[in-house]
Amino acid sequence: MSKPGAAASSHHLIPARKQADYKTELFFIGQIVGGSDFPTDLDGLFVEASLKYGADNWQLFGGKDQVSGLQTHTAYCDDEGFFVWAHPFDFHFTCESVQGWPKLNLKVWRLDQYGKLDNIAYGVINLPNETGSFELECPTWRPMSGWREESYSYYLGGPPKLVNSDPIVRDLNQRRFLTSMSSGTVHIHCEVLMKAFRDVYISGDK
């Protein structure tokens, strides 16, 4: 027969869960691996990436430099036409809703042999919404203009560019007015870790 105080003493050995233990956290760890199928052979390419998320429901740790401070080095394609960037990223979030799930907005830049820079492609990709290891492919595109501007672009370089990024990230109604053509693909590796999502009710409501 156990002593009356035995159960109580063993119960005290289990630490009580604190409120912080129920705080939902997400970790997105990975790298912008490289690019393929871009319409250039001799020129160098690099990627500029900005992180977009719902500021009302999401909090990013580590400073605002991570939001717009991602830029790869300039890479030149290998024999198979692949541009290797291997640029790492590490995002740590807490959230109160799935609204505003993080995504990466990408701009691909070309550096030609004369030192001229041209923005040649755009892309948007949502980060994965479940735990695991993911190999992502982000198709990119560029806007098209009239035949005269396209002729200038073909012979002189410098494809058409967006005046602002609102059609990509803000005003979705403007997207239907864009005429575009496909470009290359940006390859991204991402590891996702989630904490306390089973303990806290998270929905699409604010």
N, C-alpha and C. Protein backbone atom coordinates (compact mmCIF):
# COMPACT_ATOMS: atom_id res chain seq x y z
N MET A 1 0.85 -1.20 0.00
CA MET A 1 0.00 0.00 0.00
C MET A 1 0.87 1.24 0.00
N SER A 2 0.63 2.15 -0.91
CA SER A 2 1.47 3.34 -1.02
C SER A 2 1.10 4.35 0.03
N LYS A 3 2.04 5.16 0.36
CA LYS A 3 1.82 6.20 1.34
C LYS A 3 0.94 7.30 0.76
N PRO A 4 0.16 7.98 1.60
CA PRO A 4 -0.76 9.02 1.10
C PRO A 4 -0.05 10.13 0.36
N GLY A 5 1.16 10.45 0.74
CA GLY A 5 1.86 11.58 0.11
C GLY A 5 2.63 11.21 -1.13
N ALA A 6 2.65 9.90 -1.48
CA ALA A 6 3.46 9.47 -2.61
C ALA A 6 2.94 10.02 -3.92
N ALA A 7 1.62 9.92 -4.15
CA ALA A 7 1.04 10.41 -5.40
C ALA A 7 1.22 11.90 -5.54
N ALA A 8 1.05 12.61 -4.44
CA ALA A 8 1.19 14.06 -4.48
C ALA A 8 2.61 14.47 -4.80
N SER A 9 3.59 13.76 -4.21
CA SER A 9 4.98 14.13 -4.45
C SER A 9 5.38 13.85 -5.89
N SER A 10 4.90 12.72 -6.47
CA SER A 10 5.23 12.43 -7.86
C SER A 10 4.55 13.41 -8.79
N HIS A 11 3.35 13.88 -8.42
CA HIS A 11 2.65 14.85 -9.26
C HIS A 11 3.43 16.15 -9.36
N HIS A 12 4.07 16.55 -8.28
CA HIS A 12 4.83 17.79 -8.28
C HIS A 12 6.09 17.70 -9.12
N LEU A 13 6.51 16.48 -9.47
CA LEU A 13 7.69 16.34 -10.31
C LEU A 13 7.42 16.73 -11.76
N ILE A 14 6.14 16.76 -12.18
CA ILE A 14 5.77 17.11 -13.54
C ILE A 14 5.56 18.62 -13.61
N PRO A 15 6.40 19.36 -14.33
CA PRO A 15 6.26 20.82 -14.36
C PRO A 15 4.98 21.23 -15.06
N ALA A 16 4.34 22.24 -14.52
CA ALA A 16 3.12 22.77 -15.14
C ALA A 16 3.47 23.49 -16.44
N ARG A 17 2.61 23.36 -17.44
CA ARG A 17 2.86 24.01 -18.73
C ARG A 17 2.56 25.49 -18.60
N LYS A 18 3.46 26.27 -19.10
CA LYS A 18 3.31 27.71 -19.06
C LYS A 18 2.53 28.18 -20.29
N GLN A 19 2.08 29.44 -20.24
CA GLN A 19 1.33 29.98 -21.36
C GLN A 19 2.19 30.01 -22.62
N ALA A 20 3.50 30.22 -22.46
CA ALA A 20 4.40 30.26 -23.62
C ALA A 20 4.48 28.91 -24.32
N ASP A 21 4.19 27.81 -23.60
CA ASP A 21 4.23 26.49 -24.22
C ASP A 21 3.13 26.30 -25.25
N TYR A 22 2.07 27.10 -25.16
CA TYR A 22 0.95 27.00 -26.10
C TYR A 22 1.04 28.04 -27.21
N LYS A 23 2.13 28.73 -27.31
CA LYS A 23 2.31 29.76 -28.33
C LYS A 23 2.68 29.09 -29.66
N THR A 24 1.88 29.36 -30.68
CA THR A 24 2.15 28.76 -31.98
C THR A 24 3.38 29.39 -32.61
N GLU A 25 4.30 28.57 -33.06
CA GLU A 25 5.52 29.05 -33.70
C GLU A 25 5.76 28.26 -34.98
N LEU A 26 6.35 28.95 -35.96
CA LEU A 26 6.71 28.32 -37.23
C LEU A 26 8.14 28.69 -37.59
N PHE A 27 8.85 27.71 -38.13
CA PHE A 27 10.21 27.92 -38.60
C PHE A 27 10.28 27.48 -40.06
N PHE A 28 10.72 28.40 -40.92
CA PHE A 28 10.97 28.09 -42.33
C PHE A 28 12.47 28.22 -42.56
N ILE A 29 13.13 27.11 -42.79
CA ILE A 29 14.59 27.08 -42.93
C ILE A 29 14.93 26.44 -44.26
N GLY A 30 15.73 27.11 -45.06
CA GLY A 30 16.06 26.53 -46.35
C GLY A 30 16.99 27.40 -47.16
N GLN A 31 16.88 27.30 -48.47
CA GLN A 31 17.74 28.07 -49.35
C GLN A 31 17.11 28.23 -50.73
N ILE A 32 17.46 29.35 -51.37
CA ILE A 32 17.14 29.53 -52.78
C ILE A 32 18.23 28.78 -53.54
N VAL A 33 17.89 27.62 -54.06
CA VAL A 33 18.89 26.70 -54.60
C VAL A 33 19.48 27.21 -55.90
N GLY A 34 18.62 27.53 -56.86
CA GLY A 34 19.13 27.95 -58.17
C GLY A 34 18.00 28.22 -59.14
N GLY A 35 18.38 28.40 -60.41
CA GLY A 35 17.40 28.70 -61.45
C GLY A 35 17.69 27.91 -62.71
N SER A 36 16.64 27.65 -63.47
CA SER A 36 16.79 26.89 -64.72
C SER A 36 15.86 27.45 -65.78
N ASP A 37 16.22 27.18 -67.03
CA ASP A 37 15.40 27.54 -68.20
C ASP A 37 15.22 29.03 -68.40
N PHE A 38 16.15 29.83 -67.92
CA PHE A 38 16.09 31.26 -68.18
C PHE A 38 16.71 31.55 -69.55
N PRO A 39 16.13 32.51 -70.28
CA PRO A 39 16.58 32.76 -71.67
C PRO A 39 17.87 33.56 -71.74
N THR A 40 18.93 33.01 -71.21
CA THR A 40 20.24 33.64 -71.28
C THR A 40 21.32 32.58 -71.09
N ASP A 41 22.44 32.74 -71.77
CA ASP A 41 23.53 31.77 -71.68
C ASP A 41 24.81 32.37 -71.11
N LEU A 42 25.15 33.56 -71.60
CA LEU A 42 26.42 34.16 -71.24
C LEU A 42 26.31 35.13 -70.07
N ASP A 43 25.09 35.61 -69.78
CA ASP A 43 24.93 36.62 -68.75
C ASP A 43 24.76 35.98 -67.37
N GLY A 44 25.07 36.77 -66.33
CA GLY A 44 24.88 36.32 -64.97
C GLY A 44 23.49 36.68 -64.46
N LEU A 45 22.99 35.87 -63.53
CA LEU A 45 21.68 36.11 -62.94
C LEU A 45 21.78 36.11 -61.42
N PHE A 46 20.97 36.95 -60.78
CA PHE A 46 20.81 36.87 -59.33
C PHE A 46 19.35 37.14 -58.99
N VAL A 47 18.96 36.75 -57.78
CA VAL A 47 17.56 36.85 -57.34
C VAL A 47 17.47 37.79 -56.15
N GLU A 48 16.46 38.64 -56.20
CA GLU A 48 16.11 39.52 -55.09
C GLU A 48 14.77 39.01 -54.54
N ALA A 49 14.71 38.68 -53.26
CA ALA A 49 13.50 38.11 -52.67
C ALA A 49 13.02 38.97 -51.52
N SER A 50 11.71 39.16 -51.45
CA SER A 50 11.09 39.88 -50.33
C SER A 50 10.04 38.98 -49.70
N LEU A 51 9.95 39.03 -48.39
CA LEU A 51 9.02 38.19 -47.63
C LEU A 51 7.75 38.98 -47.33
N LYS A 52 6.60 38.43 -47.71
CA LYS A 52 5.31 39.07 -47.46
C LYS A 52 4.47 38.18 -46.54
N TYR A 53 3.81 38.80 -45.56
CA TYR A 53 2.95 38.06 -44.63
C TYR A 53 1.96 39.02 -44.00
N GLY A 54 0.92 38.47 -43.37
CA GLY A 54 -0.10 39.29 -42.73
C GLY A 54 0.38 39.87 -41.41
N ALA A 55 0.65 41.15 -41.40
CA ALA A 55 1.22 41.79 -40.20
C ALA A 55 0.23 41.79 -39.03
N ASP A 56 -1.07 41.69 -39.31
CA ASP A 56 -2.06 41.72 -38.22
C ASP A 56 -2.05 40.43 -37.42
N ASN A 57 -1.74 39.32 -38.06
CA ASN A 57 -1.82 38.02 -37.39
C ASN A 57 -0.48 37.32 -37.22
N TRP A 58 0.56 37.87 -37.83
CA TRP A 58 1.86 37.22 -37.82
C TRP A 58 2.92 38.15 -37.25
N GLN A 59 3.86 37.56 -36.53
CA GLN A 59 5.00 38.31 -36.00
C GLN A 59 6.28 37.60 -36.39
N LEU A 60 7.19 38.34 -37.00
CA LEU A 60 8.47 37.79 -37.44
C LEU A 60 9.56 38.16 -36.45
N PHE A 61 10.33 37.18 -36.04
CA PHE A 61 11.46 37.42 -35.15
C PHE A 61 12.73 37.57 -35.98
N GLY A 62 13.64 38.38 -35.47
CA GLY A 62 14.93 38.51 -36.14
C GLY A 62 15.12 39.79 -36.91
N GLY A 63 14.15 40.71 -36.86
CA GLY A 63 14.34 42.01 -37.50
C GLY A 63 13.73 42.11 -38.87
N LYS A 64 13.48 43.35 -39.28
CA LYS A 64 12.85 43.61 -40.57
C LYS A 64 13.81 43.44 -41.74
N ASP A 65 15.11 43.29 -41.45
CA ASP A 65 16.06 43.11 -42.55
C ASP A 65 15.77 41.84 -43.34
N GLN A 66 15.13 40.86 -42.68
CA GLN A 66 14.82 39.61 -43.37
C GLN A 66 13.71 39.78 -44.39
N VAL A 67 12.87 40.81 -44.20
CA VAL A 67 11.71 40.98 -45.06
C VAL A 67 12.12 41.34 -46.48
N SER A 68 13.07 42.26 -46.61
CA SER A 68 13.45 42.72 -47.95
C SER A 68 14.95 42.60 -48.20
N GLY A 69 15.67 41.89 -47.33
CA GLY A 69 17.12 41.87 -47.44
C GLY A 69 17.70 40.63 -48.07
N LEU A 70 16.88 39.81 -48.76
CA LEU A 70 17.40 38.60 -49.39
C LEU A 70 17.87 38.89 -50.80
N GLN A 71 19.14 38.67 -51.04
CA GLN A 71 19.67 38.82 -52.40
C GLN A 71 20.79 37.83 -52.60
N THR A 72 20.71 37.05 -53.64
CA THR A 72 21.74 36.05 -53.92
C THR A 72 22.94 36.71 -54.60
N HIS A 73 24.00 35.95 -54.74
CA HIS A 73 25.13 36.42 -55.53
C HIS A 73 24.81 36.24 -57.02
N THR A 74 25.61 36.81 -57.87
CA THR A 74 25.43 36.66 -59.32
C THR A 74 26.08 35.35 -59.76
N ALA A 75 25.27 34.49 -60.38
CA ALA A 75 25.76 33.18 -60.81
C ALA A 75 25.67 33.07 -62.33
N TYR A 76 26.54 32.24 -62.87
CA TYR A 76 26.54 31.96 -64.30
C TYR A 76 26.19 30.49 -64.50
N CYS A 77 25.50 30.19 -65.58
CA CYS A 77 24.96 28.84 -65.75
C CYS A 77 26.07 27.82 -66.01
N ASP A 78 25.79 26.60 -65.59
CA ASP A 78 26.72 25.50 -65.85
C ASP A 78 26.42 24.91 -67.23
N ASP A 79 27.02 23.77 -67.50
CA ASP A 79 26.85 23.15 -68.83
C ASP A 79 25.41 22.72 -69.10
N GLU A 80 24.64 22.53 -68.04
CA GLU A 80 23.25 22.11 -68.21
C GLU A 80 22.28 23.29 -68.14
N GLY A 81 22.81 24.51 -68.09
CA GLY A 81 21.95 25.68 -68.06
C GLY A 81 21.37 26.00 -66.70
N PHE A 82 21.98 25.50 -65.62
CA PHE A 82 21.47 25.72 -64.26
C PHE A 82 22.32 26.77 -63.56
N PHE A 83 21.65 27.73 -62.93
CA PHE A 83 22.32 28.78 -62.16
C PHE A 83 22.27 28.41 -60.68
N VAL A 84 23.43 28.26 -60.05
CA VAL A 84 23.49 27.84 -58.65
C VAL A 84 23.65 29.07 -57.76
N TRP A 85 22.67 29.27 -56.84
CA TRP A 85 22.74 30.38 -55.89
C TRP A 85 22.97 29.90 -54.46
N ALA A 86 22.25 28.87 -54.03
CA ALA A 86 22.41 28.29 -52.68
C ALA A 86 22.43 29.37 -51.61
N HIS A 87 21.44 30.26 -51.67
CA HIS A 87 21.36 31.37 -50.70
C HIS A 87 20.42 30.97 -49.56
N PRO A 88 20.91 30.96 -48.31
CA PRO A 88 20.09 30.45 -47.19
C PRO A 88 19.08 31.47 -46.69
N PHE A 89 18.03 30.96 -46.05
CA PHE A 89 17.09 31.80 -45.31
C PHE A 89 16.62 31.05 -44.07
N ASP A 90 16.18 31.81 -43.07
CA ASP A 90 15.73 31.24 -41.80
C ASP A 90 14.71 32.20 -41.20
N PHE A 91 13.43 31.86 -41.29
CA PHE A 91 12.36 32.72 -40.79
C PHE A 91 11.69 32.06 -39.59
N HIS A 92 11.48 32.86 -38.54
CA HIS A 92 10.85 32.37 -37.31
C HIS A 92 9.63 33.25 -37.04
N PHE A 93 8.45 32.63 -37.00
CA PHE A 93 7.19 33.36 -36.82
C PHE A 93 6.43 32.85 -35.60
N THR A 94 5.56 33.72 -35.07
CA THR A 94 4.40 33.31 -34.28
C THR A 94 3.18 33.82 -35.02
N CYS A 95 2.04 33.12 -34.85
CA CYS A 95 0.85 33.55 -35.59
C CYS A 95 -0.39 33.29 -34.77
N GLU A 96 -1.46 34.01 -35.11
CA GLU A 96 -2.76 33.85 -34.48
C GLU A 96 -3.83 33.40 -35.47
N SER A 97 -3.51 33.35 -36.74
CA SER A 97 -4.45 32.95 -37.78
C SER A 97 -3.66 32.51 -39.00
N VAL A 98 -4.30 31.70 -39.84
CA VAL A 98 -3.64 31.29 -41.08
C VAL A 98 -3.76 32.36 -42.16
N GLN A 99 -4.57 33.38 -41.92
CA GLN A 99 -4.66 34.47 -42.88
C GLN A 99 -3.32 35.19 -42.96
N GLY A 100 -2.91 35.52 -44.16
CA GLY A 100 -1.63 36.19 -44.34
C GLY A 100 -0.45 35.24 -44.30
N TRP A 101 -0.67 33.98 -44.72
CA TRP A 101 0.42 32.99 -44.70
C TRP A 101 1.61 33.51 -45.51
N PRO A 102 2.83 33.33 -45.01
CA PRO A 102 4.02 33.94 -45.66
C PRO A 102 4.24 33.44 -47.08
N LYS A 103 4.73 34.33 -47.90
CA LYS A 103 5.10 33.99 -49.27
C LYS A 103 6.32 34.79 -49.66
N LEU A 104 7.02 34.32 -50.67
CA LEU A 104 8.20 34.99 -51.19
C LEU A 104 7.88 35.61 -52.54
N ASN A 105 8.18 36.90 -52.67
CA ASN A 105 8.10 37.58 -53.96
C ASN A 105 9.51 37.65 -54.54
N LEU A 106 9.67 37.17 -55.75
CA LEU A 106 10.99 37.05 -56.36
C LEU A 106 11.13 37.97 -57.56
N LYS A 107 12.30 38.54 -57.68
CA LYS A 107 12.69 39.28 -58.88
C LYS A 107 14.02 38.71 -59.37
N VAL A 108 14.06 38.35 -60.62
CA VAL A 108 15.29 37.82 -61.21
C VAL A 108 15.94 38.92 -62.04
N TRP A 109 17.23 39.16 -61.75
CA TRP A 109 17.98 40.22 -62.43
C TRP A 109 19.07 39.61 -63.30
N ARG A 110 19.33 40.26 -64.41
CA ARG A 110 20.38 39.83 -65.34
C ARG A 110 21.50 40.87 -65.36
N LEU A 111 22.73 40.39 -65.27
CA LEU A 111 23.92 41.24 -65.40
C LEU A 111 24.63 40.83 -66.68
N ASP A 112 24.62 41.73 -67.67
CA ASP A 112 25.23 41.34 -68.95
C ASP A 112 26.73 41.65 -68.96
N GLN A 113 27.37 41.35 -70.06
CA GLN A 113 28.83 41.48 -70.15
C GLN A 113 29.29 42.93 -70.11
N TYR A 114 28.36 43.87 -70.31
CA TYR A 114 28.71 45.29 -70.26
C TYR A 114 28.41 45.92 -68.90
N GLY A 115 27.99 45.10 -67.95
CA GLY A 115 27.69 45.60 -66.62
C GLY A 115 26.30 46.19 -66.47
N LYS A 116 25.43 45.94 -67.43
CA LYS A 116 24.07 46.47 -67.38
C LYS A 116 23.15 45.50 -66.63
N LEU A 117 22.30 46.07 -65.76
CA LEU A 117 21.36 45.28 -64.99
C LEU A 117 19.96 45.41 -65.56
N ASP A 118 19.27 44.29 -65.71
CA ASP A 118 17.89 44.27 -66.19
C ASP A 118 17.07 43.32 -65.33
N ASN A 119 15.90 43.77 -64.94
CA ASN A 119 14.95 42.91 -64.23
C ASN A 119 14.20 42.08 -65.28
N ILE A 120 14.48 40.78 -65.34
CA ILE A 120 13.97 39.97 -66.45
C ILE A 120 12.82 39.04 -66.08
N ALA A 121 12.50 38.89 -64.78
CA ALA A 121 11.43 37.95 -64.43
C ALA A 121 10.92 38.24 -63.02
N TYR A 122 9.67 37.84 -62.79
CA TYR A 122 9.01 37.97 -61.50
C TYR A 122 8.40 36.62 -61.12
N GLY A 123 8.24 36.42 -59.81
CA GLY A 123 7.60 35.19 -59.35
C GLY A 123 7.09 35.34 -57.93
N VAL A 124 6.07 34.57 -57.59
CA VAL A 124 5.49 34.55 -56.24
C VAL A 124 5.26 33.10 -55.85
N ILE A 125 5.65 32.75 -54.62
CA ILE A 125 5.41 31.39 -54.15
C ILE A 125 5.08 31.41 -52.66
N ASN A 126 4.03 30.67 -52.28
CA ASN A 126 3.66 30.53 -50.88
C ASN A 126 4.59 29.51 -50.21
N LEU A 127 4.98 29.80 -48.98
CA LEU A 127 5.76 28.83 -48.23
C LEU A 127 4.85 27.68 -47.79
N PRO A 128 5.38 26.48 -47.62
CA PRO A 128 4.55 25.31 -47.29
C PRO A 128 3.77 25.50 -45.99
N ASN A 129 2.57 24.91 -45.93
CA ASN A 129 1.71 25.06 -44.75
C ASN A 129 1.59 23.76 -43.95
N GLU A 130 2.63 22.93 -44.00
CA GLU A 130 2.69 21.73 -43.17
C GLU A 130 4.15 21.41 -42.89
N THR A 131 4.36 20.62 -41.85
CA THR A 131 5.73 20.28 -41.49
C THR A 131 6.33 19.32 -42.52
N GLY A 132 7.65 19.38 -42.63
CA GLY A 132 8.32 18.47 -43.56
C GLY A 132 9.41 19.16 -44.34
N SER A 133 9.95 18.41 -45.29
CA SER A 133 11.01 18.90 -46.17
C SER A 133 10.44 19.00 -47.58
N PHE A 134 10.66 20.14 -48.23
CA PHE A 134 10.01 20.41 -49.51
C PHE A 134 11.00 20.93 -50.54
N GLU A 135 10.83 20.45 -51.77
CA GLU A 135 11.55 20.98 -52.92
C GLU A 135 10.54 21.75 -53.76
N LEU A 136 10.64 23.07 -53.75
CA LEU A 136 9.65 23.93 -54.40
C LEU A 136 10.18 24.44 -55.74
N GLU A 137 9.27 24.64 -56.66
CA GLU A 137 9.59 25.25 -57.95
C GLU A 137 8.68 26.45 -58.16
N CYS A 138 9.28 27.60 -58.37
CA CYS A 138 8.53 28.83 -58.58
C CYS A 138 8.64 29.24 -60.05
N PRO A 139 7.59 29.07 -60.84
CA PRO A 139 7.63 29.54 -62.23
C PRO A 139 7.66 31.07 -62.26
N THR A 140 8.45 31.63 -63.12
CA THR A 140 8.53 33.08 -63.23
C THR A 140 7.97 33.54 -64.58
N TRP A 141 7.74 34.83 -64.67
CA TRP A 141 7.15 35.42 -65.87
C TRP A 141 7.67 36.84 -66.01
N ARG A 142 7.42 37.41 -67.16
CA ARG A 142 7.73 38.82 -67.37
C ARG A 142 6.60 39.46 -68.16
N PRO A 143 6.36 40.75 -67.96
CA PRO A 143 5.29 41.42 -68.72
C PRO A 143 5.67 41.58 -70.19
N MET A 144 4.65 41.61 -71.03
CA MET A 144 4.85 41.86 -72.46
C MET A 144 4.28 43.23 -72.82
N SER A 145 4.83 43.82 -73.85
CA SER A 145 4.36 45.12 -74.32
C SER A 145 4.06 45.02 -75.81
N GLY A 146 4.01 46.16 -76.49
CA GLY A 146 3.72 46.18 -77.91
C GLY A 146 4.86 45.63 -78.75
N TRP A 147 4.59 45.41 -80.05
CA TRP A 147 5.59 44.81 -80.92
C TRP A 147 6.84 45.68 -81.04
N ARG A 148 6.68 47.01 -80.97
CA ARG A 148 7.84 47.89 -81.08
C ARG A 148 8.77 47.71 -79.89
N GLU A 149 8.19 47.72 -78.68
CA GLU A 149 9.01 47.55 -77.49
C GLU A 149 9.64 46.16 -77.44
N GLU A 150 8.90 45.15 -77.89
CA GLU A 150 9.45 43.80 -77.90
C GLU A 150 10.61 43.69 -78.90
N SER A 151 10.53 44.42 -80.00
CA SER A 151 11.63 44.42 -80.97
C SER A 151 12.86 45.07 -80.38
N TYR A 152 12.66 46.20 -79.69
CA TYR A 152 13.78 46.84 -79.01
C TYR A 152 14.41 45.90 -77.99
N SER A 153 13.56 45.19 -77.26
CA SER A 153 14.05 44.27 -76.24
C SER A 153 14.87 43.15 -76.87
N TYR A 154 14.44 42.65 -78.02
CA TYR A 154 15.13 41.53 -78.67
C TYR A 154 16.52 41.94 -79.15
N TYR A 155 16.62 43.14 -79.72
CA TYR A 155 17.90 43.55 -80.31
C TYR A 155 18.79 44.33 -79.34
N LEU A 156 18.19 45.07 -78.43
CA LEU A 156 18.97 45.94 -77.55
C LEU A 156 18.98 45.50 -76.10
N GLY A 157 18.18 44.49 -75.77
CA GLY A 157 18.10 44.07 -74.38
C GLY A 157 17.16 44.96 -73.59
N GLY A 158 16.97 44.62 -72.32
CA GLY A 158 16.10 45.41 -71.47
C GLY A 158 14.63 45.10 -71.69
N PRO A 159 14.13 43.96 -71.20
CA PRO A 159 12.72 43.61 -71.39
C PRO A 159 11.81 44.56 -70.62
N PRO A 160 10.52 44.60 -70.95
CA PRO A 160 9.58 45.47 -70.21
C PRO A 160 9.56 45.13 -68.73
N LYS A 161 9.33 46.15 -67.91
CA LYS A 161 9.32 45.98 -66.45
C LYS A 161 8.03 46.52 -65.88
N LEU A 162 7.68 46.06 -64.69
CA LEU A 162 6.53 46.60 -63.99
C LEU A 162 6.89 47.94 -63.37
N VAL A 163 5.98 48.90 -63.47
CA VAL A 163 6.21 50.21 -62.85
C VAL A 163 6.18 50.07 -61.33
N ASN A 164 5.28 49.24 -60.80
CA ASN A 164 5.24 48.94 -59.37
C ASN A 164 4.77 47.50 -59.20
N SER A 165 4.88 46.99 -57.98
CA SER A 165 4.58 45.58 -57.72
C SER A 165 3.16 45.37 -57.21
N ASP A 166 2.30 46.37 -57.27
CA ASP A 166 0.94 46.22 -56.77
C ASP A 166 0.17 45.07 -57.42
N PRO A 167 0.28 44.88 -58.74
CA PRO A 167 -0.45 43.75 -59.34
C PRO A 167 0.00 42.39 -58.82
N ILE A 168 1.17 42.33 -58.21
CA ILE A 168 1.68 41.05 -57.73
C ILE A 168 1.22 40.77 -56.30
N VAL A 169 1.30 41.79 -55.44
CA VAL A 169 1.11 41.52 -54.02
C VAL A 169 -0.09 42.22 -53.40
N ARG A 170 -0.62 43.25 -54.02
CA ARG A 170 -1.69 44.01 -53.36
C ARG A 170 -3.00 43.95 -54.13
N ASP A 171 -3.06 44.66 -55.22
CA ASP A 171 -4.30 44.77 -55.98
C ASP A 171 -4.42 43.61 -56.97
N LEU A 172 -5.08 42.54 -56.53
CA LEU A 172 -5.17 41.35 -57.38
C LEU A 172 -6.02 41.59 -58.62
N ASN A 173 -6.92 42.58 -58.56
CA ASN A 173 -7.78 42.86 -59.71
C ASN A 173 -6.98 43.38 -60.91
N GLN A 174 -5.80 43.93 -60.63
CA GLN A 174 -4.98 44.46 -61.73
C GLN A 174 -4.28 43.36 -62.52
N ARG A 175 -4.22 42.16 -61.96
CA ARG A 175 -3.50 41.09 -62.64
C ARG A 175 -4.13 40.74 -63.99
N ARG A 176 -5.45 40.87 -64.07
CA ARG A 176 -6.11 40.48 -65.32
C ARG A 176 -5.79 41.43 -66.46
N PHE A 177 -5.23 42.59 -66.15
CA PHE A 177 -4.85 43.53 -67.20
C PHE A 177 -3.42 43.30 -67.69
N LEU A 178 -2.70 42.39 -67.03
CA LEU A 178 -1.31 42.13 -67.40
C LEU A 178 -1.24 41.09 -68.51
N THR A 179 -0.47 41.42 -69.54
CA THR A 179 -0.13 40.43 -70.56
C THR A 179 1.30 39.99 -70.30
N SER A 180 1.51 38.71 -70.14
CA SER A 180 2.83 38.23 -69.73
C SER A 180 3.21 36.99 -70.52
N MET A 181 4.48 36.64 -70.40
CA MET A 181 5.00 35.41 -70.98
C MET A 181 5.87 34.71 -69.95
N SER A 182 5.96 33.40 -70.05
CA SER A 182 6.70 32.63 -69.06
C SER A 182 8.20 32.82 -69.23
N SER A 183 8.90 32.64 -68.11
CA SER A 183 10.36 32.73 -68.12
C SER A 183 10.90 31.45 -67.47
N GLY A 184 11.97 31.55 -66.71
CA GLY A 184 12.56 30.36 -66.11
C GLY A 184 11.91 29.96 -64.80
N THR A 185 12.56 29.04 -64.10
CA THR A 185 12.05 28.51 -62.84
C THR A 185 13.09 28.69 -61.75
N VAL A 186 12.64 29.16 -60.57
CA VAL A 186 13.51 29.28 -59.40
C VAL A 186 13.23 28.09 -58.49
N HIS A 187 14.29 27.39 -58.09
CA HIS A 187 14.17 26.20 -57.25
C HIS A 187 14.52 26.55 -55.81
N ILE A 188 13.65 26.14 -54.88
CA ILE A 188 13.79 26.49 -53.47
C ILE A 188 13.67 25.22 -52.63
N HIS A 189 14.57 25.08 -51.66
CA HIS A 189 14.46 24.00 -50.67
C HIS A 189 14.00 24.61 -49.36
N CYS A 190 13.01 23.99 -48.71
CA CYS A 190 12.45 24.57 -47.48
C CYS A 190 12.11 23.47 -46.48
N GLU A 191 12.59 23.63 -45.25
CA GLU A 191 12.22 22.76 -44.13
C GLU A 191 11.25 23.55 -43.24
N VAL A 192 10.14 22.92 -42.84
CA VAL A 192 9.11 23.59 -42.05
C VAL A 192 8.94 22.86 -40.72
N LEU A 193 9.01 23.63 -39.63
CA LEU A 193 8.76 23.11 -38.29
C LEU A 193 7.61 23.92 -37.68
N MET A 194 6.69 23.23 -37.01
CA MET A 194 5.56 23.88 -36.36
C MET A 194 5.51 23.47 -34.90
N LYS A 195 5.14 24.43 -34.05
CA LYS A 195 5.06 24.16 -32.62
C LYS A 195 3.69 24.59 -32.09
N ALA A 196 3.06 23.72 -31.30
CA ALA A 196 1.84 24.01 -30.54
C ALA A 196 0.60 24.20 -31.39
N PHE A 197 0.62 23.80 -32.65
CA PHE A 197 -0.58 23.94 -33.47
C PHE A 197 -1.68 22.96 -33.05
N ARG A 198 -1.32 21.85 -32.44
CA ARG A 198 -2.33 20.91 -31.96
C ARG A 198 -2.97 21.37 -30.66
N ASP A 199 -2.31 22.25 -29.94
CA ASP A 199 -2.81 22.71 -28.65
C ASP A 199 -3.63 23.98 -28.74
N VAL A 200 -3.48 24.71 -29.83
CA VAL A 200 -4.16 26.00 -29.97
C VAL A 200 -5.04 25.96 -31.21
N TYR A 201 -6.25 26.47 -31.08
CA TYR A 201 -7.18 26.49 -32.22
C TYR A 201 -6.78 27.63 -33.15
N ILE A 202 -6.34 27.29 -34.34
CA ILE A 202 -5.96 28.27 -35.35
C ILE A 202 -6.88 28.10 -36.54
N SER A 203 -7.46 29.20 -37.00
CA SER A 203 -8.37 29.13 -38.14
C SER A 203 -8.09 30.28 -39.09
N GLY A 204 -8.92 30.40 -40.10
CA GLY A 204 -8.79 31.49 -41.05
C GLY A 204 -9.43 32.77 -40.59
N ASP A 205 -10.09 32.74 -39.41
CA ASP A 205 -10.70 33.96 -38.89
C ASP A 205 -9.66 34.81 -38.20
N LYS A 206 -9.90 36.11 -38.20
CA LYS A 206 -8.97 37.01 -37.52
C LYS A 206 -9.13 36.90 -36.01
